[in-house]
Amino acid sequence: MAEHSVITPLPGTFYRKATPDSANYVEVGDPVSADTVIGLIEVMKQFSELTAGTAGRLSAFQVEDGDLVEPGQVVATLDSE
């Protein structure tokens, strides 16, 4: 298996769920497809979905829910097939 990094293209705040009362989009260990949403990046009250980018299994989040992120920063890692 190869490791794949999910990188944010935007600066902003990373959220693992759509609303404070929602469940997380994905959990560590979950299988994902390339277009599975793993979180949101919020910039000035505009939310952009961050997708896995490849099929595999989510191995770790590199940032916490609510952390500020910069373009090019690794948000999560996947074990891809």
C-alpha atoms as a PDB file:
ATOM      1  CA  MET A   1       0.000   0.000   0.000  1.00  0.00           C
ATOM      2  CA  ALA A   2       1.079   3.549  -0.674  1.00  0.00           C
ATOM      3  CA  GLU A   3       0.493   6.512   1.595  1.00  0.00           C
ATOM      4  CA  HIS A   4      -1.381   9.473   0.121  1.00  0.00           C
ATOM      5  CA  SER A   5      -1.489  12.940   1.690  1.00  0.00           C
ATOM      6  CA  VAL A   6      -4.663  15.022   1.526  1.00  0.00           C
ATOM      7  CA  ILE A   7      -3.510  18.619   1.087  1.00  0.00           C
ATOM      8  CA  THR A   8      -5.605  21.744   1.449  1.00  0.00           C
ATOM      9  CA  PRO A   9      -5.510  24.159  -1.496  1.00  0.00           C
ATOM     10  CA  LEU A  10      -6.983  26.969   0.634  1.00  0.00           C
ATOM     11  CA  PRO A  11      -6.127  28.851   3.800  1.00  0.00           C
ATOM     12  CA  GLY A  12      -8.819  28.838   6.462  1.00  0.00           C
ATOM     13  CA  THR A  13     -10.294  26.792   9.268  1.00  0.00           C
ATOM     14  CA  PHE A  14     -10.622  23.019   8.935  1.00  0.00           C
ATOM     15  CA  TYR A  15     -13.818  21.351  10.164  1.00  0.00           C
ATOM     16  CA  ARG A  16     -14.475  17.599  10.295  1.00  0.00           C
ATOM     17  CA  LYS A  17     -18.278  18.035  10.228  1.00  0.00           C
ATOM     18  CA  ALA A  18     -20.884  20.222   8.532  1.00  0.00           C
ATOM     19  CA  THR A  19     -22.392  21.660  11.742  1.00  0.00           C
ATOM     20  CA  PRO A  20     -21.512  21.457  15.431  1.00  0.00           C
ATOM     21  CA  ASP A  21     -24.340  18.916  15.921  1.00  0.00           C
ATOM     22  CA  SER A  22     -23.474  16.760  12.883  1.00  0.00           C
ATOM     23  CA  ALA A  23     -21.444  13.576  12.873  1.00  0.00           C
ATOM     24  CA  ASN A  24     -17.906  13.748  11.453  1.00  0.00           C
ATOM     25  CA  TYR A  25     -17.721  13.165   7.711  1.00  0.00           C
ATOM     26  CA  VAL A  26     -15.263  10.288   8.213  1.00  0.00           C
ATOM     27  CA  GLU A  27     -13.362   8.608  11.028  1.00  0.00           C
ATOM     28  CA  VAL A  28      -9.843   7.182  11.093  1.00  0.00           C
ATOM     29  CA  GLY A  29      -9.996   3.668   9.642  1.00  0.00           C
ATOM     30  CA  ASP A  30     -12.943   4.391   7.333  1.00  0.00           C
ATOM     31  CA  PRO A  31     -12.677   3.395   3.661  1.00  0.00           C
ATOM     32  CA  VAL A  32     -12.926   6.378   1.283  1.00  0.00           C
ATOM     33  CA  SER A  33     -13.274   6.936  -2.445  1.00  0.00           C
ATOM     34  CA  ALA A  34     -11.582   9.770  -4.341  1.00  0.00           C
ATOM     35  CA  ASP A  35     -14.614  12.036  -3.957  1.00  0.00           C
ATOM     36  CA  THR A  36     -15.424  11.255  -0.310  1.00  0.00           C
ATOM     37  CA  VAL A  37     -15.672  14.503   1.666  1.00  0.00           C
ATOM     38  CA  ILE A  38     -13.342  14.347   4.669  1.00  0.00           C
ATOM     39  CA  GLY A  39     -13.934  17.889   5.915  1.00  0.00           C
ATOM     40  CA  LEU A  40     -14.592  21.531   5.139  1.00  0.00           C
ATOM     41  CA  ILE A  41     -12.313  24.542   4.797  1.00  0.00           C
ATOM     42  CA  GLU A  42     -14.003  27.769   5.912  1.00  0.00           C
ATOM     43  CA  VAL A  43     -12.762  31.093   4.588  1.00  0.00           C
ATOM     44  CA  MET A  44     -14.741  34.220   5.518  1.00  0.00           C
ATOM     45  CA  LYS A  45     -17.970  32.234   6.079  1.00  0.00           C
ATOM     46  CA  GLN A  46     -17.645  30.369   2.767  1.00  0.00           C
ATOM     47  CA  PHE A  47     -17.222  26.608   3.071  1.00  0.00           C
ATOM     48  CA  SER A  48     -15.379  24.430   0.553  1.00  0.00           C
ATOM     49  CA  GLU A  49     -15.444  20.636   0.690  1.00  0.00           C
ATOM     50  CA  LEU A  50     -12.111  18.855   1.005  1.00  0.00           C
ATOM     51  CA  THR A  51     -12.177  15.419  -0.636  1.00  0.00           C
ATOM     52  CA  ALA A  52      -9.887  12.423  -0.188  1.00  0.00           C
ATOM     53  CA  GLY A  53      -8.535  12.654  -3.741  1.00  0.00           C
ATOM     54  CA  THR A  54      -7.889   8.898  -4.016  1.00  0.00           C
ATOM     55  CA  ALA A  55      -9.458   5.651  -2.871  1.00  0.00           C
ATOM     56  CA  GLY A  56      -8.136   3.965   0.243  1.00  0.00           C
ATOM     57  CA  ARG A  57      -8.486   3.947   4.019  1.00  0.00           C
ATOM     58  CA  LEU A  58      -8.159   7.052   6.199  1.00  0.00           C
ATOM     59  CA  SER A  59      -5.102   6.446   8.380  1.00  0.00           C
ATOM     60  CA  ALA A  60      -4.772   9.740  10.303  1.00  0.00           C
ATOM     61  CA  PHE A  61      -5.752  13.380  10.567  1.00  0.00           C
ATOM     62  CA  GLN A  62      -2.751  15.691  10.772  1.00  0.00           C
ATOM     63  CA  VAL A  63      -4.796  18.650  12.073  1.00  0.00           C
ATOM     64  CA  GLU A  64      -7.549  18.922  14.652  1.00  0.00           C
ATOM     65  CA  ASP A  65     -11.135  20.037  14.106  1.00  0.00           C
ATOM     66  CA  GLY A  66     -11.141  23.850  14.180  1.00  0.00           C
ATOM     67  CA  ASP A  67      -7.418  24.266  13.389  1.00  0.00           C
ATOM     68  CA  LEU A  68      -6.218  26.991  11.038  1.00  0.00           C
ATOM     69  CA  VAL A  69      -4.623  25.588   7.873  1.00  0.00           C
ATOM     70  CA  GLU A  70      -2.465  27.044   5.120  1.00  0.00           C
ATOM     71  CA  PRO A  71      -2.393  26.173   1.402  1.00  0.00           C
ATOM     72  CA  GLY A  72      -0.264  23.075   0.809  1.00  0.00           C
ATOM     73  CA  GLN A  73      -0.645  21.808   4.382  1.00  0.00           C
ATOM     74  CA  VAL A  74      -1.281  18.088   4.895  1.00  0.00           C
ATOM     75  CA  VAL A  75      -4.688  17.641   6.548  1.00  0.00           C
ATOM     76  CA  ALA A  76      -4.929  13.843   6.529  1.00  0.00           C
ATOM     77  CA  THR A  77      -3.171  10.729   5.282  1.00  0.00           C
ATOM     78  CA  LEU A  78      -4.650   7.708   3.509  1.00  0.00           C
ATOM     79  CA  ASP A  79      -3.396   4.223   2.851  1.00  0.00           C
ATOM     80  CA  SER A  80      -4.216   3.933  -0.844  1.00  0.00           C
ATOM     81  CA  GLU A  81      -4.556   0.702  -2.768  1.00  0.00           C
END
